[in-house]
Structure formats: C-alpha cells, structure tokens
C-alpha cells in the first residue's frame, strides 16, 4: 500500500467511541448497534408476565396508594399503574450500574468507599473473587467487530480457579444483579469474547483468548456462578441474530418516514359512502 493509501485507510479508521449518556457506539465514524440492542430483537415472553405481576403486586400491597391514585381519576390512575414495572426496572438498572462501578474499582486494585446499603453486595462480590481466585486481564472494556458491525462493553476477562474442581483457565465473566440468568446472556458473553479488538487506554488491543463463560449473580445474601454455553458455534448463533436484527430494522423502517419499511403507505380510494376503503 502506498503512503497516501495508508494514510487514507488510517483516516477512515477513526476507531471505537462509546457515548455513555446514550449508551451508543460509533465505529470508524458510523453508528453501530450494541450487543444488548441486537439481542433486543428477540421475543421475550417473560417480560409481559413480569410487568403484569409488578402491577398486580403493587395493587395488592398498597391499598392506600391505590385509593390515592383512584382520587386522581381514571386516566391518571391508569398512567401511573402502567409506569410501575418500568420504574422498578430503572431502579434495578441503577443498582446494577453501582455494582459494576464498585466491581471495576475493586478489580483495578482501587480503594472504594461503599455506601452502607451496598456493603452486603460488595462483600459477596469480594467473596466470589477470593473463592474463584480471580486474576483480572481485562476489566470494563469496550469491544467491537468491524467485520460484523457491532460493539459492546464486557465486564471481565480473568484467570480463575474453579473452587469445586480445581480447574484453571481464562474466562469471560459478567456481573448480573437480577433475579435470574437468562439464555440470551450466552450470546451476549460469546459476542464479547469473540470481538476483534478491545479498547484499552485509547488503543485497540487483541482480547485474551477465553475458554469459558460464566454469569455471576451477585446478591446481598451471597452469589451464584452459572456456566454458560461457549464456543464459536454459539458466536455464530449470535451472528445469525445480528443478521435478524438488520432484517427487523429494514422491515420496520423509519417511523418518521411512513412507507420506509416493509409496509407501504395505504392506498386511499373512496367508496360509495365517502369513507376510505
């Protein structure tokens, strides 16, 4: 490649940028979807059931609050009840972010000042790190694939020793603060582990090679470690979902431009009574 061609290629490669406020990624100057956004195209039948249970539990547990809402009128009451699941989701998201922030500092060897309400959770995280003899290799790193146009941020790649079997290796770990570990997480972890590069101190670096993946569910009363399916075949499944994400996006089109997706603009014809057919 000529010097001019090399410079042009380097200029085109603007690198990976993560916009924390919107949790979006640009790769070489173009927006690319995040891994969790890509997985969002999958049907999640548990969510409607979860949302309905949150509203039902609130109604059963807060009779005084329900009476107060009833006094506001039907419309405002409905709006308030509809928002309950998402308020709870947002609070859980805040707790998850706090766990990630504290864990990142711990893994980087920093001293942290933990709020009293979060002490039990962080003690559980410390116990996990001690029992599994975690030696961090990569912590909270943005990763991406140029070939397949996606990006994300992994939690941890580390050396470990399984306390049950004594087996040692290198694996990708992901902190989870929710009540369950879902199958979709396997695709998430495999995507991160098979990224083409990680952004470390502003430089693109190859990732440590992983042999396994684990979801680490941290709670105030302890922790559980879940082995997840891992390997190139699982990553290939993620790439199929990546292609499905593009198909769904094309089909839905741009909501600002009617007819831009796979449903065209309605053909208006007048029938005998003057209404649209």
C-alpha atoms as a PDB file:
ATOM      1  CA  UNK A   1       0.000   0.000   0.000  1.00  0.00           C
ATOM      2  CA  UNK A   2       1.288   3.469  -0.892  1.00  0.00           C
ATOM      3  CA  UNK A   3       1.892   6.077   1.817  1.00  0.00           C
ATOM      4  CA  UNK A   4      -1.147   8.039   0.591  1.00  0.00           C
ATOM      5  CA  UNK A   5      -3.287   4.881   0.612  1.00  0.00           C
ATOM      6  CA  UNK A   6      -2.099   4.002   4.124  1.00  0.00           C
ATOM      7  CA  UNK A   7      -2.941   7.488   5.387  1.00  0.00           C
ATOM      8  CA  UNK A   8      -6.379   7.296   3.772  1.00  0.00           C
ATOM      9  CA  UNK A   9      -7.002   3.911   5.410  1.00  0.00           C
ATOM     10  CA  UNK A  10      -5.905   5.222   8.799  1.00  0.00           C
ATOM     11  CA  UNK A  11      -8.136   8.284   8.453  1.00  0.00           C
ATOM     12  CA  UNK A  12     -11.100   6.037   7.667  1.00  0.00           C
ATOM     13  CA  UNK A  13     -10.399   4.042  10.798  1.00  0.00           C
ATOM     14  CA  UNK A  14     -11.481   6.543  13.389  1.00  0.00           C
ATOM     15  CA  UNK A  15     -11.760   3.819  15.979  1.00  0.00           C
ATOM     16  CA  UNK A  16     -14.408   2.930  18.525  1.00  0.00           C
ATOM     17  CA  UNK A  17     -16.165   5.601  20.558  1.00  0.00           C
ATOM     18  CA  UNK A  18     -18.641   4.939  23.357  1.00  0.00           C
ATOM     19  CA  UNK A  19     -21.201   7.618  24.246  1.00  0.00           C
ATOM     20  CA  UNK A  20     -22.076   6.857  27.851  1.00  0.00           C
ATOM     21  CA  UNK A  21     -25.032   9.247  28.176  1.00  0.00           C
ATOM     22  CA  UNK A  22     -26.936   7.495  25.367  1.00  0.00           C
ATOM     23  CA  UNK A  23     -25.110   4.149  25.686  1.00  0.00           C
ATOM     24  CA  UNK A  24     -24.386   4.120  21.964  1.00  0.00           C
ATOM     25  CA  UNK A  25     -21.312   3.295  19.905  1.00  0.00           C
ATOM     26  CA  UNK A  26     -19.621   4.730  16.840  1.00  0.00           C
ATOM     27  CA  UNK A  27     -17.126   2.609  14.927  1.00  0.00           C
ATOM     28  CA  UNK A  28     -14.968   4.444  12.392  1.00  0.00           C
ATOM     29  CA  UNK A  29     -17.427   7.330  12.387  1.00  0.00           C
ATOM     30  CA  UNK A  30     -20.589   5.266  11.905  1.00  0.00           C
ATOM     31  CA  UNK A  31     -23.182   4.241  14.453  1.00  0.00           C
ATOM     32  CA  UNK A  32     -23.197   0.512  15.172  1.00  0.00           C
ATOM     33  CA  UNK A  33     -25.676  -1.386  17.359  1.00  0.00           C
ATOM     34  CA  UNK A  34     -24.676  -2.623  20.786  1.00  0.00           C
ATOM     35  CA  UNK A  35     -24.840  -6.310  21.630  1.00  0.00           C
ATOM     36  CA  UNK A  36     -27.756  -5.882  24.054  1.00  0.00           C
ATOM     37  CA  UNK A  37     -29.620  -3.784  21.468  1.00  0.00           C
ATOM     38  CA  UNK A  38     -29.138  -6.545  18.898  1.00  0.00           C
ATOM     39  CA  UNK A  39     -30.458  -9.174  21.319  1.00  0.00           C
ATOM     40  CA  UNK A  40     -33.447  -6.914  21.957  1.00  0.00           C
ATOM     41  CA  UNK A  41     -34.909  -8.024  18.617  1.00  0.00           C
ATOM     42  CA  UNK A  42     -35.621 -11.434  20.156  1.00  0.00           C
ATOM     43  CA  UNK A  43     -39.044 -12.201  21.551  1.00  0.00           C
ATOM     44  CA  UNK A  44     -39.027 -12.159  25.354  1.00  0.00           C
ATOM     45  CA  UNK A  45     -42.320 -13.696  26.520  1.00  0.00           C
ATOM     46  CA  UNK A  46     -41.299 -13.376  30.168  1.00  0.00           C
ATOM     47  CA  UNK A  47     -41.427  -9.551  30.060  1.00  0.00           C
ATOM     48  CA  UNK A  48     -45.236  -9.130  29.697  1.00  0.00           C
ATOM     49  CA  UNK A  49     -45.775 -11.642  32.519  1.00  0.00           C
ATOM     50  CA  UNK A  50     -43.223  -9.848  34.687  1.00  0.00           C
ATOM     51  CA  UNK A  51     -44.796  -6.443  34.003  1.00  0.00           C
ATOM     52  CA  UNK A  52     -48.289  -7.729  34.834  1.00  0.00           C
ATOM     53  CA  UNK A  53     -47.043  -9.280  38.090  1.00  0.00           C
ATOM     54  CA  UNK A  54     -45.394  -5.998  39.134  1.00  0.00           C
ATOM     55  CA  UNK A  55     -48.667  -4.095  38.733  1.00  0.00           C
ATOM     56  CA  UNK A  56     -50.656  -6.858  40.485  1.00  0.00           C
ATOM     57  CA  UNK A  57     -48.221  -6.927  43.417  1.00  0.00           C
ATOM     58  CA  UNK A  58     -48.354  -3.150  43.784  1.00  0.00           C
ATOM     59  CA  UNK A  59     -52.173  -3.165  43.815  1.00  0.00           C
ATOM     60  CA  UNK A  60     -52.245  -5.982  46.404  1.00  0.00           C
ATOM     61  CA  UNK A  61     -49.573  -4.468  48.661  1.00  0.00           C
ATOM     62  CA  UNK A  62     -50.526  -0.773  48.533  1.00  0.00           C
ATOM     63  CA  UNK A  63     -54.254  -0.312  49.205  1.00  0.00           C
ATOM     64  CA  UNK A  64     -53.760   3.241  50.490  1.00  0.00           C
ATOM     65  CA  UNK A  65     -51.711   4.165  47.444  1.00  0.00           C
ATOM     66  CA  UNK A  66     -54.388   2.742  45.169  1.00  0.00           C
ATOM     67  CA  UNK A  67     -57.037   4.861  46.853  1.00  0.00           C
ATOM     68  CA  UNK A  68     -54.869   7.933  46.362  1.00  0.00           C
ATOM     69  CA  UNK A  69     -54.467   7.088  42.676  1.00  0.00           C
ATOM     70  CA  UNK A  70     -58.190   6.481  42.339  1.00  0.00           C
ATOM     71  CA  UNK A  71     -58.793  10.013  43.562  1.00  0.00           C
ATOM     72  CA  UNK A  72     -56.774  11.368  40.643  1.00  0.00           C
ATOM     73  CA  UNK A  73     -59.248   9.990  38.120  1.00  0.00           C
ATOM     74  CA  UNK A  74     -59.276   7.075  35.710  1.00  0.00           C
ATOM     75  CA  UNK A  75     -56.771   8.410  33.184  1.00  0.00           C
ATOM     76  CA  UNK A  76     -54.002   9.452  35.604  1.00  0.00           C
ATOM     77  CA  UNK A  77     -54.504   6.249  37.612  1.00  0.00           C
ATOM     78  CA  UNK A  78     -54.029   4.090  34.514  1.00  0.00           C
ATOM     79  CA  UNK A  79     -50.900   6.020  33.506  1.00  0.00           C
ATOM     80  CA  UNK A  80     -49.408   5.656  36.991  1.00  0.00           C
ATOM     81  CA  UNK A  81     -50.061   1.897  37.132  1.00  0.00           C
ATOM     82  CA  UNK A  82     -48.650   1.381  33.628  1.00  0.00           C
ATOM     83  CA  UNK A  83     -45.401   3.023  34.730  1.00  0.00           C
ATOM     84  CA  UNK A  84     -44.802   0.824  37.797  1.00  0.00           C
ATOM     85  CA  UNK A  85     -42.865  -2.006  36.051  1.00  0.00           C
ATOM     86  CA  UNK A  86     -40.533   0.406  34.269  1.00  0.00           C
ATOM     87  CA  UNK A  87     -39.832   2.419  37.412  1.00  0.00           C
ATOM     88  CA  UNK A  88     -38.809  -0.823  39.098  1.00  0.00           C
ATOM     89  CA  UNK A  89     -36.702  -1.777  36.085  1.00  0.00           C
ATOM     90  CA  UNK A  90     -34.937   1.592  36.190  1.00  0.00           C
ATOM     91  CA  UNK A  91     -34.198   1.230  39.910  1.00  0.00           C
ATOM     92  CA  UNK A  92     -32.762  -2.225  39.261  1.00  0.00           C
ATOM     93  CA  UNK A  93     -30.664  -0.745  36.468  1.00  0.00           C
ATOM     94  CA  UNK A  94     -29.226   1.821  38.848  1.00  0.00           C
ATOM     95  CA  UNK A  95     -28.331  -0.940  41.320  1.00  0.00           C
ATOM     96  CA  UNK A  96     -26.680  -2.894  38.513  1.00  0.00           C
ATOM     97  CA  UNK A  97     -24.637   0.134  37.442  1.00  0.00           C
ATOM     98  CA  UNK A  98     -23.478   0.699  41.013  1.00  0.00           C
ATOM     99  CA  UNK A  99     -22.377  -2.956  41.262  1.00  0.00           C
ATOM    100  CA  UNK A 100     -20.435  -2.629  38.007  1.00  0.00           C
ATOM    101  CA  UNK A 101     -18.764   0.602  39.138  1.00  0.00           C
ATOM    102  CA  UNK A 102     -17.678  -0.811  42.502  1.00  0.00           C
ATOM    103  CA  UNK A 103     -16.544  -4.102  40.970  1.00  0.00           C
ATOM    104  CA  UNK A 104     -14.471  -2.289  38.347  1.00  0.00           C
ATOM    105  CA  UNK A 105     -12.674  -0.301  41.034  1.00  0.00           C
ATOM    106  CA  UNK A 106     -12.034  -3.419  43.115  1.00  0.00           C
ATOM    107  CA  UNK A 107     -10.654  -5.354  40.156  1.00  0.00           C
ATOM    108  CA  UNK A 108      -8.376  -2.446  39.309  1.00  0.00           C
ATOM    109  CA  UNK A 109      -6.971  -2.540  42.847  1.00  0.00           C
ATOM    110  CA  UNK A 110      -8.523   0.742  43.932  1.00  0.00           C
ATOM    111  CA  UNK A 111      -9.793   1.519  47.414  1.00  0.00           C
ATOM    112  CA  UNK A 112     -13.511   2.181  47.474  1.00  0.00           C
ATOM    113  CA  UNK A 113     -15.898   3.809  49.899  1.00  0.00           C
ATOM    114  CA  UNK A 114     -19.089   1.742  49.728  1.00  0.00           C
ATOM    115  CA  UNK A 115     -22.456   3.084  50.833  1.00  0.00           C
ATOM    116  CA  UNK A 116     -23.894   1.102  53.743  1.00  0.00           C
ATOM    117  CA  UNK A 117     -26.791  -0.237  51.678  1.00  0.00           C
ATOM    118  CA  UNK A 118     -24.383  -1.747  49.146  1.00  0.00           C
ATOM    119  CA  UNK A 119     -21.923  -3.286  51.603  1.00  0.00           C
ATOM    120  CA  UNK A 120     -23.521  -6.781  51.642  1.00  0.00           C
ATOM    121  CA  UNK A 121     -23.498  -6.980  47.842  1.00  0.00           C
ATOM    122  CA  UNK A 122     -19.867  -5.919  47.606  1.00  0.00           C
ATOM    123  CA  UNK A 123     -18.881  -8.365  50.333  1.00  0.00           C
ATOM    124  CA  UNK A 124     -20.481 -11.095  48.210  1.00  0.00           C
ATOM    125  CA  UNK A 125     -18.510  -9.866  45.186  1.00  0.00           C
ATOM    126  CA  UNK A 126     -15.275  -9.942  47.177  1.00  0.00           C
ATOM    127  CA  UNK A 127     -16.018 -13.459  48.380  1.00  0.00           C
ATOM    128  CA  UNK A 128     -16.558 -14.586  44.787  1.00  0.00           C
ATOM    129  CA  UNK A 129     -13.263 -13.045  43.681  1.00  0.00           C
ATOM    130  CA  UNK A 130     -11.444 -14.727  46.548  1.00  0.00           C
ATOM    131  CA  UNK A 131     -13.018 -18.170  46.179  1.00  0.00           C
ATOM    132  CA  UNK A 132     -12.528 -18.228  42.406  1.00  0.00           C
ATOM    133  CA  UNK A 133      -9.010 -16.734  42.674  1.00  0.00           C
ATOM    134  CA  UNK A 134      -9.824 -14.102  40.079  1.00  0.00           C
ATOM    135  CA  UNK A 135      -6.842 -12.513  38.313  1.00  0.00           C
ATOM    136  CA  UNK A 136      -8.227  -9.789  36.023  1.00  0.00           C
ATOM    137  CA  UNK A 137      -6.855  -9.498  32.498  1.00  0.00           C
ATOM    138  CA  UNK A 138      -9.421  -7.074  31.043  1.00  0.00           C
ATOM    139  CA  UNK A 139     -11.956  -5.022  33.014  1.00  0.00           C
ATOM    140  CA  UNK A 140     -14.954  -2.984  31.741  1.00  0.00           C
ATOM    141  CA  UNK A 141     -13.560  -2.717  28.227  1.00  0.00           C
ATOM    142  CA  UNK A 142     -15.409  -1.560  25.087  1.00  0.00           C
ATOM    143  CA  UNK A 143     -15.090  -4.178  22.330  1.00  0.00           C
ATOM    144  CA  UNK A 144     -16.206  -4.362  18.714  1.00  0.00           C
ATOM    145  CA  UNK A 145     -16.264  -6.204  15.408  1.00  0.00           C
ATOM    146  CA  UNK A 146     -15.526  -4.323  12.196  1.00  0.00           C
ATOM    147  CA  UNK A 147     -16.455  -7.299  10.066  1.00  0.00           C
ATOM    148  CA  UNK A 148     -19.910  -7.708  11.576  1.00  0.00           C
ATOM    149  CA  UNK A 149     -20.527  -4.089  12.689  1.00  0.00           C
ATOM    150  CA  UNK A 150     -21.362  -4.393  16.366  1.00  0.00           C
ATOM    151  CA  UNK A 151     -19.940  -3.131  19.673  1.00  0.00           C
ATOM    152  CA  UNK A 152     -20.394  -3.586  23.410  1.00  0.00           C
ATOM    153  CA  UNK A 153     -18.691  -3.383  26.792  1.00  0.00           C
ATOM    154  CA  UNK A 154     -17.580  -6.525  28.581  1.00  0.00           C
ATOM    155  CA  UNK A 155     -17.359  -6.771  32.375  1.00  0.00           C
ATOM    156  CA  UNK A 156     -14.373  -9.012  32.976  1.00  0.00           C
ATOM    157  CA  UNK A 157     -11.952 -11.429  31.377  1.00  0.00           C
ATOM    158  CA  UNK A 158      -9.834 -13.134  34.027  1.00  0.00           C
ATOM    159  CA  UNK A 159      -7.778 -16.101  35.017  1.00  0.00           C
ATOM    160  CA  UNK A 160      -9.686 -18.241  37.514  1.00  0.00           C
ATOM    161  CA  UNK A 161      -9.652 -21.429  39.516  1.00  0.00           C
ATOM    162  CA  UNK A 162     -12.945 -23.290  39.905  1.00  0.00           C
ATOM    163  CA  UNK A 163     -13.280 -23.982  43.660  1.00  0.00           C
ATOM    164  CA  UNK A 164     -15.323 -27.144  43.014  1.00  0.00           C
ATOM    165  CA  UNK A 165     -12.981 -28.907  40.611  1.00  0.00           C
ATOM    166  CA  UNK A 166      -9.699 -27.037  40.870  1.00  0.00           C
ATOM    167  CA  UNK A 167      -9.810 -26.458  37.102  1.00  0.00           C
ATOM    168  CA  UNK A 168      -7.953 -23.352  35.975  1.00  0.00           C
ATOM    169  CA  UNK A 169      -8.344 -21.261  32.857  1.00  0.00           C
ATOM    170  CA  UNK A 170      -9.266 -17.936  31.301  1.00  0.00           C
ATOM    171  CA  UNK A 171     -12.923 -16.985  31.008  1.00  0.00           C
ATOM    172  CA  UNK A 172     -15.264 -14.115  30.416  1.00  0.00           C
ATOM    173  CA  UNK A 173     -17.388 -13.189  33.444  1.00  0.00           C
ATOM    174  CA  UNK A 174     -20.405 -10.919  33.567  1.00  0.00           C
ATOM    175  CA  UNK A 175     -21.962  -9.388  36.677  1.00  0.00           C
ATOM    176  CA  UNK A 176     -25.720  -9.820  36.986  1.00  0.00           C
ATOM    177  CA  UNK A 177     -27.788  -8.300  39.792  1.00  0.00           C
ATOM    178  CA  UNK A 178     -31.223  -9.501  38.644  1.00  0.00           C
ATOM    179  CA  UNK A 179     -33.221 -12.446  39.914  1.00  0.00           C
ATOM    180  CA  UNK A 180     -32.374 -14.805  37.063  1.00  0.00           C
ATOM    181  CA  UNK A 181     -29.748 -15.726  34.488  1.00  0.00           C
ATOM    182  CA  UNK A 182     -31.307 -15.945  31.033  1.00  0.00           C
ATOM    183  CA  UNK A 183     -30.243 -17.991  27.979  1.00  0.00           C
ATOM    184  CA  UNK A 184     -29.797 -14.785  25.946  1.00  0.00           C
ATOM    185  CA  UNK A 185     -26.789 -13.955  28.120  1.00  0.00           C
ATOM    186  CA  UNK A 186     -24.834 -16.772  26.459  1.00  0.00           C
ATOM    187  CA  UNK A 187     -24.998 -14.937  23.118  1.00  0.00           C
ATOM    188  CA  UNK A 188     -24.009 -11.705  24.864  1.00  0.00           C
ATOM    189  CA  UNK A 189     -20.938 -13.215  26.539  1.00  0.00           C
ATOM    190  CA  UNK A 190     -19.858 -15.060  23.380  1.00  0.00           C
ATOM    191  CA  UNK A 191     -20.089 -11.893  21.313  1.00  0.00           C
ATOM    192  CA  UNK A 192     -17.845 -10.014  23.723  1.00  0.00           C
ATOM    193  CA  UNK A 193     -15.317 -12.850  23.943  1.00  0.00           C
ATOM    194  CA  UNK A 194     -15.112 -13.150  20.129  1.00  0.00           C
ATOM    195  CA  UNK A 195     -14.699  -9.426  19.479  1.00  0.00           C
ATOM    196  CA  UNK A 196     -11.939  -8.444  17.064  1.00  0.00           C
ATOM    197  CA  UNK A 197     -10.440  -5.941  19.476  1.00  0.00           C
ATOM    198  CA  UNK A 198     -10.837  -4.209  22.833  1.00  0.00           C
ATOM    199  CA  UNK A 199     -10.284  -0.529  23.516  1.00  0.00           C
ATOM    200  CA  UNK A 200      -7.605  -0.236  26.219  1.00  0.00           C
ATOM    201  CA  UNK A 201      -6.270   3.207  27.171  1.00  0.00           C
ATOM    202  CA  UNK A 202      -7.460   4.521  23.829  1.00  0.00           C
ATOM    203  CA  UNK A 203      -5.666   1.811  21.850  1.00  0.00           C
ATOM    204  CA  UNK A 204      -7.116  -1.187  20.019  1.00  0.00           C
ATOM    205  CA  UNK A 205      -5.764  -4.387  21.555  1.00  0.00           C
ATOM    206  CA  UNK A 206      -6.486  -8.096  20.950  1.00  0.00           C
ATOM    207  CA  UNK A 207      -8.541  -9.806  23.632  1.00  0.00           C
ATOM    208  CA  UNK A 208      -7.175 -12.565  25.848  1.00  0.00           C
ATOM    209  CA  UNK A 209      -8.363 -15.894  24.485  1.00  0.00           C
ATOM    210  CA  UNK A 210     -11.221 -17.282  26.560  1.00  0.00           C
ATOM    211  CA  UNK A 211     -12.069 -20.913  27.170  1.00  0.00           C
ATOM    212  CA  UNK A 212     -15.353 -20.496  29.030  1.00  0.00           C
ATOM    213  CA  UNK A 213     -18.075 -18.034  30.058  1.00  0.00           C
ATOM    214  CA  UNK A 214     -19.788 -17.506  33.408  1.00  0.00           C
ATOM    215  CA  UNK A 215     -22.690 -15.393  34.600  1.00  0.00           C
ATOM    216  CA  UNK A 216     -22.088 -14.193  38.170  1.00  0.00           C
ATOM    217  CA  UNK A 217     -25.285 -13.390  40.031  1.00  0.00           C
ATOM    218  CA  UNK A 218     -24.409 -11.157  42.973  1.00  0.00           C
ATOM    219  CA  UNK A 219     -26.902 -10.659  45.812  1.00  0.00           C
ATOM    220  CA  UNK A 220     -26.839  -9.231  49.321  1.00  0.00           C
ATOM    221  CA  UNK A 221     -27.005 -12.789  50.728  1.00  0.00           C
ATOM    222  CA  UNK A 222     -24.286 -14.289  48.520  1.00  0.00           C
ATOM    223  CA  UNK A 223     -23.583 -15.203  44.926  1.00  0.00           C
ATOM    224  CA  UNK A 224     -24.112 -17.922  42.327  1.00  0.00           C
ATOM    225  CA  UNK A 225     -21.910 -18.677  39.326  1.00  0.00           C
ATOM    226  CA  UNK A 226     -23.598 -20.077  36.217  1.00  0.00           C
ATOM    227  CA  UNK A 227     -21.559 -21.783  33.473  1.00  0.00           C
ATOM    228  CA  UNK A 228     -22.808 -20.607  30.084  1.00  0.00           C
ATOM    229  CA  UNK A 229     -22.634 -22.279  26.679  1.00  0.00           C
ATOM    230  CA  UNK A 230     -19.467 -21.089  24.988  1.00  0.00           C
ATOM    231  CA  UNK A 231     -17.641 -21.510  21.701  1.00  0.00           C
ATOM    232  CA  UNK A 232     -17.548 -20.488  18.032  1.00  0.00           C
ATOM    233  CA  UNK A 233     -20.862 -22.235  17.359  1.00  0.00           C
ATOM    234  CA  UNK A 234     -22.613 -20.029  19.948  1.00  0.00           C
ATOM    235  CA  UNK A 235     -20.980 -16.943  18.460  1.00  0.00           C
ATOM    236  CA  UNK A 236     -22.226 -17.996  15.031  1.00  0.00           C
ATOM    237  CA  UNK A 237     -25.734 -18.103  16.503  1.00  0.00           C
ATOM    238  CA  UNK A 238     -25.216 -14.540  17.707  1.00  0.00           C
ATOM    239  CA  UNK A 239     -24.202 -13.528  14.183  1.00  0.00           C
ATOM    240  CA  UNK A 240     -27.457 -15.022  12.913  1.00  0.00           C
ATOM    241  CA  UNK A 241     -29.285 -12.832  15.421  1.00  0.00           C
ATOM    242  CA  UNK A 242     -27.185  -9.888  14.202  1.00  0.00           C
ATOM    243  CA  UNK A 243     -28.483 -10.512  10.684  1.00  0.00           C
ATOM    244  CA  UNK A 244     -32.025 -10.867  12.026  1.00  0.00           C
ATOM    245  CA  UNK A 245     -31.640  -7.500  13.767  1.00  0.00           C
ATOM    246  CA  UNK A 246     -30.846  -5.878  10.406  1.00  0.00           C
ATOM    247  CA  UNK A 247     -33.834  -7.600   8.779  1.00  0.00           C
ATOM    248  CA  UNK A 248     -36.167  -6.411  11.546  1.00  0.00           C
ATOM    249  CA  UNK A 249     -34.794  -2.886  11.232  1.00  0.00           C
ATOM    250  CA  UNK A 250     -35.354  -2.882   7.464  1.00  0.00           C
ATOM    251  CA  UNK A 251     -38.853  -4.262   7.901  1.00  0.00           C
ATOM    252  CA  UNK A 252     -39.860  -1.658  10.471  1.00  0.00           C
ATOM    253  CA  UNK A 253     -38.279   1.208   8.578  1.00  0.00           C
ATOM    254  CA  UNK A 254     -38.036   4.737   9.961  1.00  0.00           C
ATOM    255  CA  UNK A 255     -41.114   5.693  11.969  1.00  0.00           C
ATOM    256  CA  UNK A 256     -40.556   9.292  10.866  1.00  0.00           C
ATOM    257  CA  UNK A 257     -40.966   8.246   7.223  1.00  0.00           C
ATOM    258  CA  UNK A 258     -44.196   6.293   6.630  1.00  0.00           C
ATOM    259  CA  UNK A 259     -43.742   3.617   3.997  1.00  0.00           C
ATOM    260  CA  UNK A 260     -39.990   3.342   4.535  1.00  0.00           C
ATOM    261  CA  UNK A 261     -40.311  -0.185   5.904  1.00  0.00           C
ATOM    262  CA  UNK A 262     -41.957  -3.286   4.527  1.00  0.00           C
ATOM    263  CA  UNK A 263     -45.471  -1.842   4.940  1.00  0.00           C
ATOM    264  CA  UNK A 264     -46.260   0.743   2.319  1.00  0.00           C
ATOM    265  CA  UNK A 265     -48.493   3.780   2.590  1.00  0.00           C
ATOM    266  CA  UNK A 266     -52.194   2.928   2.433  1.00  0.00           C
ATOM    267  CA  UNK A 267     -53.817   3.375  -0.961  1.00  0.00           C
ATOM    268  CA  UNK A 268     -56.742   5.724  -0.428  1.00  0.00           C
ATOM    269  CA  UNK A 269     -59.867   5.107  -2.513  1.00  0.00           C
ATOM    270  CA  UNK A 270     -63.334   6.481  -1.948  1.00  0.00           C
ATOM    271  CA  UNK A 271     -66.234   4.061  -1.777  1.00  0.00           C
ATOM    272  CA  UNK A 272     -69.906   4.836  -2.202  1.00  0.00           C
ATOM    273  CA  UNK A 273     -70.416   6.303   1.286  1.00  0.00           C
ATOM    274  CA  UNK A 274     -67.365   8.523   1.065  1.00  0.00           C
ATOM    275  CA  UNK A 275     -65.178   6.609   3.544  1.00  0.00           C
ATOM    276  CA  UNK A 276     -61.726   5.210   2.782  1.00  0.00           C
ATOM    277  CA  UNK A 277     -61.788   1.603   1.608  1.00  0.00           C
END
